[in-house]
């Protein structure tokens, strides 16, 4: 059986591709640079930028029937919504939302031909919006909605659509996200710095602490494999105690209490800077 996984250069995508290959499956591993692809006899790396229509068409033409498609490729933009550069907001959605749809459109014929299914990598941030990464949360909320729509639209073909919602897990993308956030901060101007500088500092510190507590992406890969191979997969799988807790609290706490909890947990200022 052959599976296609996007975004396999690091983190969850890489761990998923390796786990599937080690368990005897053939894997087509999408990466932006072949040099970054995981190495295994059962892994076939392909150049696959989810925003590049020509690359998607070329891989789709050659891929053959698929038992499953794992929509994992994504980026994170960190900035306060009031001042986020609009080109960066568009870039966030171009990869995480439009790219997801483009991949589905390109490879659903192969998934149908292989009697396969879709696995969509979302996030606990797609269930609870996190301040300072509102654009990322919004993109993952969109992935949740698209997944629900696809699951209902694909029922006539009995193509399962499964959402995996990880919490805090290790990824090399954190470093590039921090660099990009600092670059964006330099372009947002004095007003943004005056209004949100302390909040941006607090979120950066929070994110760095979270990295030290982040789980191994192999844990998520194990759940992705279950979603791909279970006879009757659940529509959603949350991965990590933090993800379960965050979503559970959002269901039982009043909105204002949940807002206060998030602000306090991240260490964001509760009043405007002087």
C-alpha atoms as a PDB file:
ATOM      1  CA  UNK A   1       0.000   0.000   0.000  1.00  0.00           C
ATOM      2  CA  UNK A   2       1.221   3.485  -0.868  1.00  0.00           C
ATOM      3  CA  UNK A   3       0.722   6.624   1.209  1.00  0.00           C
ATOM      4  CA  UNK A   4       1.517  10.226   0.295  1.00  0.00           C
ATOM      5  CA  UNK A   5       2.671  12.524   3.102  1.00  0.00           C
ATOM      6  CA  UNK A   6       3.284  16.238   2.559  1.00  0.00           C
ATOM      7  CA  UNK A   7       5.772  18.319   4.528  1.00  0.00           C
ATOM      8  CA  UNK A   8       8.150  15.492   5.433  1.00  0.00           C
ATOM      9  CA  UNK A   9      11.359  17.465   5.889  1.00  0.00           C
ATOM     10  CA  UNK A  10      10.913  17.618   9.671  1.00  0.00           C
ATOM     11  CA  UNK A  11       8.607  17.126  12.629  1.00  0.00           C
ATOM     12  CA  UNK A  12       5.352  15.222  12.335  1.00  0.00           C
ATOM     13  CA  UNK A  13       5.557  14.729   8.572  1.00  0.00           C
ATOM     14  CA  UNK A  14       9.028  13.218   8.716  1.00  0.00           C
ATOM     15  CA  UNK A  15       8.164  10.983  11.678  1.00  0.00           C
ATOM     16  CA  UNK A  16       5.007   9.796   9.911  1.00  0.00           C
ATOM     17  CA  UNK A  17       6.807   8.934   6.681  1.00  0.00           C
ATOM     18  CA  UNK A  18       9.505   6.998   8.543  1.00  0.00           C
ATOM     19  CA  UNK A  19       7.020   5.114  10.736  1.00  0.00           C
ATOM     20  CA  UNK A  20       4.904   4.047   7.776  1.00  0.00           C
ATOM     21  CA  UNK A  21       7.988   2.906   5.863  1.00  0.00           C
ATOM     22  CA  UNK A  22       9.344   0.972   8.840  1.00  0.00           C
ATOM     23  CA  UNK A  23       5.994  -0.811   9.117  1.00  0.00           C
ATOM     24  CA  UNK A  24       6.170  -2.065   5.559  1.00  0.00           C
ATOM     25  CA  UNK A  25       4.298   0.617   3.634  1.00  0.00           C
ATOM     26  CA  UNK A  26       5.480   2.470   0.550  1.00  0.00           C
ATOM     27  CA  UNK A  27       5.613   6.219   1.097  1.00  0.00           C
ATOM     28  CA  UNK A  28       5.722   9.122  -1.316  1.00  0.00           C
ATOM     29  CA  UNK A  29       7.325  11.876   0.776  1.00  0.00           C
ATOM     30  CA  UNK A  30       6.668  15.436  -0.308  1.00  0.00           C
ATOM     31  CA  UNK A  31       9.420  17.968   0.433  1.00  0.00           C
ATOM     32  CA  UNK A  32      10.379  21.353  -0.924  1.00  0.00           C
ATOM     33  CA  UNK A  33      14.023  20.215  -1.243  1.00  0.00           C
ATOM     34  CA  UNK A  34      14.932  16.601  -1.972  1.00  0.00           C
ATOM     35  CA  UNK A  35      18.024  16.917   0.228  1.00  0.00           C
ATOM     36  CA  UNK A  36      15.730  17.360   3.255  1.00  0.00           C
ATOM     37  CA  UNK A  37      13.723  14.175   2.661  1.00  0.00           C
ATOM     38  CA  UNK A  38      13.769  11.234   5.091  1.00  0.00           C
ATOM     39  CA  UNK A  39      15.808   8.273   3.861  1.00  0.00           C
ATOM     40  CA  UNK A  40      14.430   4.727   3.789  1.00  0.00           C
ATOM     41  CA  UNK A  41      14.230   2.060   1.064  1.00  0.00           C
ATOM     42  CA  UNK A  42      10.428   2.344   1.051  1.00  0.00           C
ATOM     43  CA  UNK A  43      10.373   6.156   0.882  1.00  0.00           C
ATOM     44  CA  UNK A  44      10.288   7.885  -2.491  1.00  0.00           C
ATOM     45  CA  UNK A  45      10.950  11.600  -2.061  1.00  0.00           C
ATOM     46  CA  UNK A  46       9.326  14.061  -4.458  1.00  0.00           C
ATOM     47  CA  UNK A  47       9.593  17.824  -4.758  1.00  0.00           C
ATOM     48  CA  UNK A  48       6.200  19.032  -3.638  1.00  0.00           C
ATOM     49  CA  UNK A  49       5.550  22.636  -2.712  1.00  0.00           C
ATOM     50  CA  UNK A  50       1.822  22.721  -1.918  1.00  0.00           C
ATOM     51  CA  UNK A  51       1.589  26.230  -3.398  1.00  0.00           C
ATOM     52  CA  UNK A  52       3.088  25.141  -6.742  1.00  0.00           C
ATOM     53  CA  UNK A  53       0.366  23.947  -9.119  1.00  0.00           C
ATOM     54  CA  UNK A  54       2.855  22.537 -11.635  1.00  0.00           C
ATOM     55  CA  UNK A  55       4.579  20.382  -9.010  1.00  0.00           C
ATOM     56  CA  UNK A  56       1.243  19.099  -7.723  1.00  0.00           C
ATOM     57  CA  UNK A  57       0.140  18.159 -11.240  1.00  0.00           C
ATOM     58  CA  UNK A  58       3.446  16.441 -12.041  1.00  0.00           C
ATOM     59  CA  UNK A  59       3.410  14.299  -8.892  1.00  0.00           C
ATOM     60  CA  UNK A  60      -0.298  13.484  -9.259  1.00  0.00           C
ATOM     61  CA  UNK A  61       0.277  12.277 -12.821  1.00  0.00           C
ATOM     62  CA  UNK A  62       2.933   9.819 -11.668  1.00  0.00           C
ATOM     63  CA  UNK A  63       1.826   8.754  -8.208  1.00  0.00           C
ATOM     64  CA  UNK A  64      -0.553   5.858  -8.901  1.00  0.00           C
ATOM     65  CA  UNK A  65      -3.326   4.665  -6.546  1.00  0.00           C
ATOM     66  CA  UNK A  66      -3.006   5.857  -2.953  1.00  0.00           C
ATOM     67  CA  UNK A  67      -4.188   4.105   0.173  1.00  0.00           C
ATOM     68  CA  UNK A  68      -3.960   7.372   2.045  1.00  0.00           C
ATOM     69  CA  UNK A  69      -3.031  11.048   1.840  1.00  0.00           C
ATOM     70  CA  UNK A  70      -1.632  12.888   4.866  1.00  0.00           C
ATOM     71  CA  UNK A  71      -2.072  16.646   4.497  1.00  0.00           C
ATOM     72  CA  UNK A  72       0.662  17.815   6.848  1.00  0.00           C
ATOM     73  CA  UNK A  73       2.604  20.672   5.205  1.00  0.00           C
ATOM     74  CA  UNK A  74       2.137  23.972   7.001  1.00  0.00           C
ATOM     75  CA  UNK A  75       3.731  27.131   8.359  1.00  0.00           C
ATOM     76  CA  UNK A  76       3.179  29.344  11.412  1.00  0.00           C
ATOM     77  CA  UNK A  77       2.973  33.136  11.342  1.00  0.00           C
ATOM     78  CA  UNK A  78       3.190  34.860  14.735  1.00  0.00           C
ATOM     79  CA  UNK A  79       1.987  38.452  15.075  1.00  0.00           C
ATOM     80  CA  UNK A  80      -0.855  40.400  16.723  1.00  0.00           C
ATOM     81  CA  UNK A  81      -3.874  40.469  14.418  1.00  0.00           C
ATOM     82  CA  UNK A  82      -4.166  44.264  14.582  1.00  0.00           C
ATOM     83  CA  UNK A  83      -0.753  44.728  12.984  1.00  0.00           C
ATOM     84  CA  UNK A  84       0.009  41.538  11.064  1.00  0.00           C
ATOM     85  CA  UNK A  85       1.360  42.423   7.603  1.00  0.00           C
ATOM     86  CA  UNK A  86      -1.385  41.428   5.182  1.00  0.00           C
ATOM     87  CA  UNK A  87       1.037  39.731   2.823  1.00  0.00           C
ATOM     88  CA  UNK A  88       2.068  37.476   5.714  1.00  0.00           C
ATOM     89  CA  UNK A  89      -1.589  36.731   6.502  1.00  0.00           C
ATOM     90  CA  UNK A  90      -2.093  35.772   2.862  1.00  0.00           C
ATOM     91  CA  UNK A  91       1.020  33.584   2.966  1.00  0.00           C
ATOM     92  CA  UNK A  92      -0.293  31.834   6.098  1.00  0.00           C
ATOM     93  CA  UNK A  93      -3.552  30.952   4.346  1.00  0.00           C
ATOM     94  CA  UNK A  94      -1.904  30.178   1.018  1.00  0.00           C
ATOM     95  CA  UNK A  95       0.056  27.307   2.569  1.00  0.00           C
ATOM     96  CA  UNK A  96      -2.203  26.095   5.376  1.00  0.00           C
ATOM     97  CA  UNK A  97      -5.586  26.476   3.691  1.00  0.00           C
ATOM     98  CA  UNK A  98      -5.336  26.948  -0.073  1.00  0.00           C
ATOM     99  CA  UNK A  99      -2.443  24.479  -0.161  1.00  0.00           C
ATOM    100  CA  UNK A 100      -4.519  21.866   1.676  1.00  0.00           C
ATOM    101  CA  UNK A 101      -7.347  22.247  -0.841  1.00  0.00           C
ATOM    102  CA  UNK A 102      -4.910  22.150  -3.762  1.00  0.00           C
ATOM    103  CA  UNK A 103      -3.386  18.896  -2.492  1.00  0.00           C
ATOM    104  CA  UNK A 104      -6.827  17.338  -2.015  1.00  0.00           C
ATOM    105  CA  UNK A 105      -7.916  18.363  -5.504  1.00  0.00           C
ATOM    106  CA  UNK A 106      -4.726  17.007  -7.051  1.00  0.00           C
ATOM    107  CA  UNK A 107      -4.693  13.630  -5.283  1.00  0.00           C
ATOM    108  CA  UNK A 108      -8.296  12.682  -4.543  1.00  0.00           C
ATOM    109  CA  UNK A 109      -8.540  10.748  -7.845  1.00  0.00           C
ATOM    110  CA  UNK A 110      -5.565   8.635  -6.706  1.00  0.00           C
ATOM    111  CA  UNK A 111      -7.114   8.188  -3.258  1.00  0.00           C
ATOM    112  CA  UNK A 112     -10.386   7.005  -4.813  1.00  0.00           C
ATOM    113  CA  UNK A 113      -8.474   4.631  -7.095  1.00  0.00           C
ATOM    114  CA  UNK A 114      -6.656   3.148  -4.106  1.00  0.00           C
ATOM    115  CA  UNK A 115      -9.691   2.879  -1.840  1.00  0.00           C
ATOM    116  CA  UNK A 116      -7.891   5.275   0.475  1.00  0.00           C
ATOM    117  CA  UNK A 117      -8.607   8.061   2.934  1.00  0.00           C
ATOM    118  CA  UNK A 118      -7.546  11.573   3.883  1.00  0.00           C
ATOM    119  CA  UNK A 119      -5.773  12.493   7.103  1.00  0.00           C
ATOM    120  CA  UNK A 120      -5.657  16.208   7.824  1.00  0.00           C
ATOM    121  CA  UNK A 121      -3.097  17.495  10.322  1.00  0.00           C
ATOM    122  CA  UNK A 122      -4.754  20.298  12.246  1.00  0.00           C
ATOM    123  CA  UNK A 123      -3.867  21.444  15.774  1.00  0.00           C
ATOM    124  CA  UNK A 124      -5.420  22.044  19.163  1.00  0.00           C
ATOM    125  CA  UNK A 125      -5.060  25.680  18.047  1.00  0.00           C
ATOM    126  CA  UNK A 126      -7.669  24.848  15.427  1.00  0.00           C
ATOM    127  CA  UNK A 127     -10.157  24.296  18.234  1.00  0.00           C
ATOM    128  CA  UNK A 128      -9.064  27.096  20.594  1.00  0.00           C
ATOM    129  CA  UNK A 129      -7.676  30.340  19.161  1.00  0.00           C
ATOM    130  CA  UNK A 130      -4.343  31.330  20.696  1.00  0.00           C
ATOM    131  CA  UNK A 131      -3.413  35.030  21.015  1.00  0.00           C
ATOM    132  CA  UNK A 132      -0.326  36.199  19.124  1.00  0.00           C
ATOM    133  CA  UNK A 133      -0.762  33.352  16.614  1.00  0.00           C
ATOM    134  CA  UNK A 134      -4.267  34.271  15.544  1.00  0.00           C
ATOM    135  CA  UNK A 135      -3.467  33.845  11.850  1.00  0.00           C
ATOM    136  CA  UNK A 136      -2.192  30.318  12.441  1.00  0.00           C
ATOM    137  CA  UNK A 137      -5.206  29.452  14.596  1.00  0.00           C
ATOM    138  CA  UNK A 138      -7.534  30.851  11.934  1.00  0.00           C
ATOM    139  CA  UNK A 139      -5.865  28.714   9.276  1.00  0.00           C
ATOM    140  CA  UNK A 140      -6.296  25.589  11.396  1.00  0.00           C
ATOM    141  CA  UNK A 141      -9.931  26.478  12.158  1.00  0.00           C
ATOM    142  CA  UNK A 142     -10.322  26.569   8.367  1.00  0.00           C
ATOM    143  CA  UNK A 143      -8.708  23.134   8.060  1.00  0.00           C
ATOM    144  CA  UNK A 144     -11.240  21.819  10.580  1.00  0.00           C
ATOM    145  CA  UNK A 145     -14.131  23.253   8.556  1.00  0.00           C
ATOM    146  CA  UNK A 146     -12.759  21.984   5.249  1.00  0.00           C
ATOM    147  CA  UNK A 147     -12.292  18.532   6.762  1.00  0.00           C
ATOM    148  CA  UNK A 148     -15.890  18.437   7.973  1.00  0.00           C
ATOM    149  CA  UNK A 149     -17.116  19.508   4.542  1.00  0.00           C
ATOM    150  CA  UNK A 150     -14.940  16.945   2.765  1.00  0.00           C
ATOM    151  CA  UNK A 151     -16.034  14.154   5.106  1.00  0.00           C
ATOM    152  CA  UNK A 152     -19.668  14.852   4.213  1.00  0.00           C
ATOM    153  CA  UNK A 153     -19.059  15.440   0.516  1.00  0.00           C
ATOM    154  CA  UNK A 154     -17.026  12.241   0.096  1.00  0.00           C
ATOM    155  CA  UNK A 155     -19.544   9.931   1.787  1.00  0.00           C
ATOM    156  CA  UNK A 156     -20.869   8.583  -1.530  1.00  0.00           C
ATOM    157  CA  UNK A 157     -17.380   7.243  -2.258  1.00  0.00           C
ATOM    158  CA  UNK A 158     -16.830   6.005   1.313  1.00  0.00           C
ATOM    159  CA  UNK A 159     -13.601   8.002   1.570  1.00  0.00           C
ATOM    160  CA  UNK A 160     -12.947   8.636   5.289  1.00  0.00           C
ATOM    161  CA  UNK A 161     -11.631  12.058   6.269  1.00  0.00           C
ATOM    162  CA  UNK A 162      -9.818  12.094   9.615  1.00  0.00           C
ATOM    163  CA  UNK A 163      -8.524  15.125  11.517  1.00  0.00           C
ATOM    164  CA  UNK A 164      -5.494  14.784  13.811  1.00  0.00           C
ATOM    165  CA  UNK A 165      -5.125  17.584  16.362  1.00  0.00           C
ATOM    166  CA  UNK A 166      -1.684  17.587  18.017  1.00  0.00           C
ATOM    167  CA  UNK A 167      -0.807  19.727  20.990  1.00  0.00           C
ATOM    168  CA  UNK A 168       2.764  20.819  21.664  1.00  0.00           C
ATOM    169  CA  UNK A 169       5.276  18.667  19.770  1.00  0.00           C
ATOM    170  CA  UNK A 170       8.848  19.176  18.637  1.00  0.00           C
ATOM    171  CA  UNK A 171       9.542  20.678  15.229  1.00  0.00           C
ATOM    172  CA  UNK A 172      12.510  22.312  13.558  1.00  0.00           C
ATOM    173  CA  UNK A 173      10.033  24.865  12.185  1.00  0.00           C
ATOM    174  CA  UNK A 174       9.957  26.638  15.548  1.00  0.00           C
ATOM    175  CA  UNK A 175      13.319  28.262  14.875  1.00  0.00           C
ATOM    176  CA  UNK A 176      12.269  29.557  11.453  1.00  0.00           C
ATOM    177  CA  UNK A 177       8.947  30.731  12.913  1.00  0.00           C
ATOM    178  CA  UNK A 178      10.800  32.770  15.536  1.00  0.00           C
ATOM    179  CA  UNK A 179      13.122  34.305  12.954  1.00  0.00           C
ATOM    180  CA  UNK A 180      10.181  35.226  10.724  1.00  0.00           C
ATOM    181  CA  UNK A 181       8.278  36.698  13.685  1.00  0.00           C
ATOM    182  CA  UNK A 182      11.228  38.924  14.569  1.00  0.00           C
ATOM    183  CA  UNK A 183      11.496  40.067  10.942  1.00  0.00           C
ATOM    184  CA  UNK A 184       7.761  40.839  10.846  1.00  0.00           C
ATOM    185  CA  UNK A 185       8.069  42.742  14.099  1.00  0.00           C
ATOM    186  CA  UNK A 186      10.663  45.032  12.556  1.00  0.00           C
ATOM    187  CA  UNK A 187       8.260  45.966   9.749  1.00  0.00           C
ATOM    188  CA  UNK A 188       5.144  46.595  11.852  1.00  0.00           C
ATOM    189  CA  UNK A 189       6.250  50.002  13.070  1.00  0.00           C
ATOM    190  CA  UNK A 190       6.417  52.019  16.281  1.00  0.00           C
ATOM    191  CA  UNK A 191       2.705  51.875  17.082  1.00  0.00           C
ATOM    192  CA  UNK A 192       2.673  48.079  16.986  1.00  0.00           C
ATOM    193  CA  UNK A 193       5.785  47.938  19.141  1.00  0.00           C
ATOM    194  CA  UNK A 194       4.348  50.351  21.676  1.00  0.00           C
ATOM    195  CA  UNK A 195       1.002  48.552  21.877  1.00  0.00           C
ATOM    196  CA  UNK A 196       2.104  44.930  21.607  1.00  0.00           C
ATOM    197  CA  UNK A 197       5.831  44.787  22.293  1.00  0.00           C
ATOM    198  CA  UNK A 198       5.407  43.339  25.820  1.00  0.00           C
ATOM    199  CA  UNK A 199       2.845  40.828  24.539  1.00  0.00           C
ATOM    200  CA  UNK A 200       5.140  39.719  21.723  1.00  0.00           C
ATOM    201  CA  UNK A 201       8.005  39.337  24.191  1.00  0.00           C
ATOM    202  CA  UNK A 202       5.789  37.312  26.530  1.00  0.00           C
ATOM    203  CA  UNK A 203       4.612  35.005  23.783  1.00  0.00           C
ATOM    204  CA  UNK A 204       8.175  34.446  22.565  1.00  0.00           C
ATOM    205  CA  UNK A 205       9.253  33.469  26.076  1.00  0.00           C
ATOM    206  CA  UNK A 206       6.218  31.214  26.452  1.00  0.00           C
ATOM    207  CA  UNK A 207       6.958  29.527  23.110  1.00  0.00           C
ATOM    208  CA  UNK A 208      10.566  28.870  24.083  1.00  0.00           C
ATOM    209  CA  UNK A 209       9.480  27.288  27.357  1.00  0.00           C
ATOM    210  CA  UNK A 210       6.938  25.166  25.515  1.00  0.00           C
ATOM    211  CA  UNK A 211       9.694  23.895  23.247  1.00  0.00           C
ATOM    212  CA  UNK A 212      11.533  22.452  26.246  1.00  0.00           C
ATOM    213  CA  UNK A 213       8.370  20.523  27.177  1.00  0.00           C
ATOM    214  CA  UNK A 214       7.385  19.516  23.660  1.00  0.00           C
ATOM    215  CA  UNK A 215       6.621  15.865  22.974  1.00  0.00           C
ATOM    216  CA  UNK A 216       8.298  13.680  20.382  1.00  0.00           C
ATOM    217  CA  UNK A 217       6.621  13.876  16.949  1.00  0.00           C
ATOM    218  CA  UNK A 218       6.760  10.079  16.782  1.00  0.00           C
ATOM    219  CA  UNK A 219       3.774  10.065  19.173  1.00  0.00           C
ATOM    220  CA  UNK A 220       1.724  11.944  16.608  1.00  0.00           C
ATOM    221  CA  UNK A 221       3.005   9.679  13.839  1.00  0.00           C
ATOM    222  CA  UNK A 222       1.637   6.654  15.708  1.00  0.00           C
ATOM    223  CA  UNK A 223      -1.808   8.256  15.790  1.00  0.00           C
ATOM    224  CA  UNK A 224      -1.595   9.184  12.119  1.00  0.00           C
ATOM    225  CA  UNK A 225      -0.795   5.558  11.307  1.00  0.00           C
ATOM    226  CA  UNK A 226      -3.836   4.473  13.332  1.00  0.00           C
ATOM    227  CA  UNK A 227      -5.990   6.981  11.450  1.00  0.00           C
ATOM    228  CA  UNK A 228      -4.710   5.582   8.151  1.00  0.00           C
ATOM    229  CA  UNK A 229      -5.102   1.903   8.965  1.00  0.00           C
ATOM    230  CA  UNK A 230      -8.014   1.534  11.408  1.00  0.00           C
ATOM    231  CA  UNK A 231     -11.031  -0.215   9.923  1.00  0.00           C
ATOM    232  CA  UNK A 232     -13.333   2.517  11.232  1.00  0.00           C
ATOM    233  CA  UNK A 233     -11.246   5.577  12.101  1.00  0.00           C
ATOM    234  CA  UNK A 234     -12.691   8.262  14.338  1.00  0.00           C
ATOM    235  CA  UNK A 235     -13.402  11.630  12.681  1.00  0.00           C
ATOM    236  CA  UNK A 236     -10.949  13.308  15.092  1.00  0.00           C
ATOM    237  CA  UNK A 237      -7.955  12.321  17.186  1.00  0.00           C
ATOM    238  CA  UNK A 238      -6.402  14.681  19.744  1.00  0.00           C
ATOM    239  CA  UNK A 239      -2.770  13.945  20.587  1.00  0.00           C
ATOM    240  CA  UNK A 240      -1.090  15.040  23.806  1.00  0.00           C
ATOM    241  CA  UNK A 241      -2.375  15.785  27.258  1.00  0.00           C
ATOM    242  CA  UNK A 242      -2.195  19.526  26.619  1.00  0.00           C
ATOM    243  CA  UNK A 243      -4.425  19.210  23.553  1.00  0.00           C
ATOM    244  CA  UNK A 244      -7.015  17.175  25.464  1.00  0.00           C
ATOM    245  CA  UNK A 245      -6.965  19.627  28.372  1.00  0.00           C
ATOM    246  CA  UNK A 246      -7.200  22.752  26.215  1.00  0.00           C
ATOM    247  CA  UNK A 247     -10.181  21.489  24.233  1.00  0.00           C
ATOM    248  CA  UNK A 248     -11.909  20.114  27.335  1.00  0.00           C
ATOM    249  CA  UNK A 249     -11.538  23.419  29.193  1.00  0.00           C
ATOM    250  CA  UNK A 250     -12.897  25.346  26.222  1.00  0.00           C
ATOM    251  CA  UNK A 251     -16.042  23.227  26.396  1.00  0.00           C
ATOM    252  CA  UNK A 252     -16.769  23.742  30.082  1.00  0.00           C
ATOM    253  CA  UNK A 253     -15.421  27.198  30.952  1.00  0.00           C
ATOM    254  CA  UNK A 254     -17.302  30.406  30.202  1.00  0.00           C
ATOM    255  CA  UNK A 255     -15.724  32.402  27.393  1.00  0.00           C
ATOM    256  CA  UNK A 256     -14.390  35.145  29.669  1.00  0.00           C
ATOM    257  CA  UNK A 257     -12.848  32.572  31.999  1.00  0.00           C
ATOM    258  CA  UNK A 258     -11.180  30.820  29.063  1.00  0.00           C
ATOM    259  CA  UNK A 259      -9.837  34.156  27.806  1.00  0.00           C
ATOM    260  CA  UNK A 260      -8.377  34.974  31.210  1.00  0.00           C
ATOM    261  CA  UNK A 261      -6.830  31.521  31.511  1.00  0.00           C
ATOM    262  CA  UNK A 262      -5.072  31.798  28.149  1.00  0.00           C
ATOM    263  CA  UNK A 263      -3.783  35.293  28.863  1.00  0.00           C
ATOM    264  CA  UNK A 264      -2.465  34.232  32.267  1.00  0.00           C
ATOM    265  CA  UNK A 265      -0.950  30.970  30.991  1.00  0.00           C
ATOM    266  CA  UNK A 266       0.973  32.699  28.221  1.00  0.00           C
ATOM    267  CA  UNK A 267       1.962  35.618  30.442  1.00  0.00           C
ATOM    268  CA  UNK A 268       0.390  38.318  28.288  1.00  0.00           C
ATOM    269  CA  UNK A 269      -0.154  41.805  29.750  1.00  0.00           C
ATOM    270  CA  UNK A 270      -3.628  42.392  31.188  1.00  0.00           C
ATOM    271  CA  UNK A 271      -3.538  46.169  30.663  1.00  0.00           C
ATOM    272  CA  UNK A 272      -2.154  48.423  27.929  1.00  0.00           C
ATOM    273  CA  UNK A 273       1.515  49.363  28.295  1.00  0.00           C
ATOM    274  CA  UNK A 274       2.195  52.768  29.852  1.00  0.00           C
END
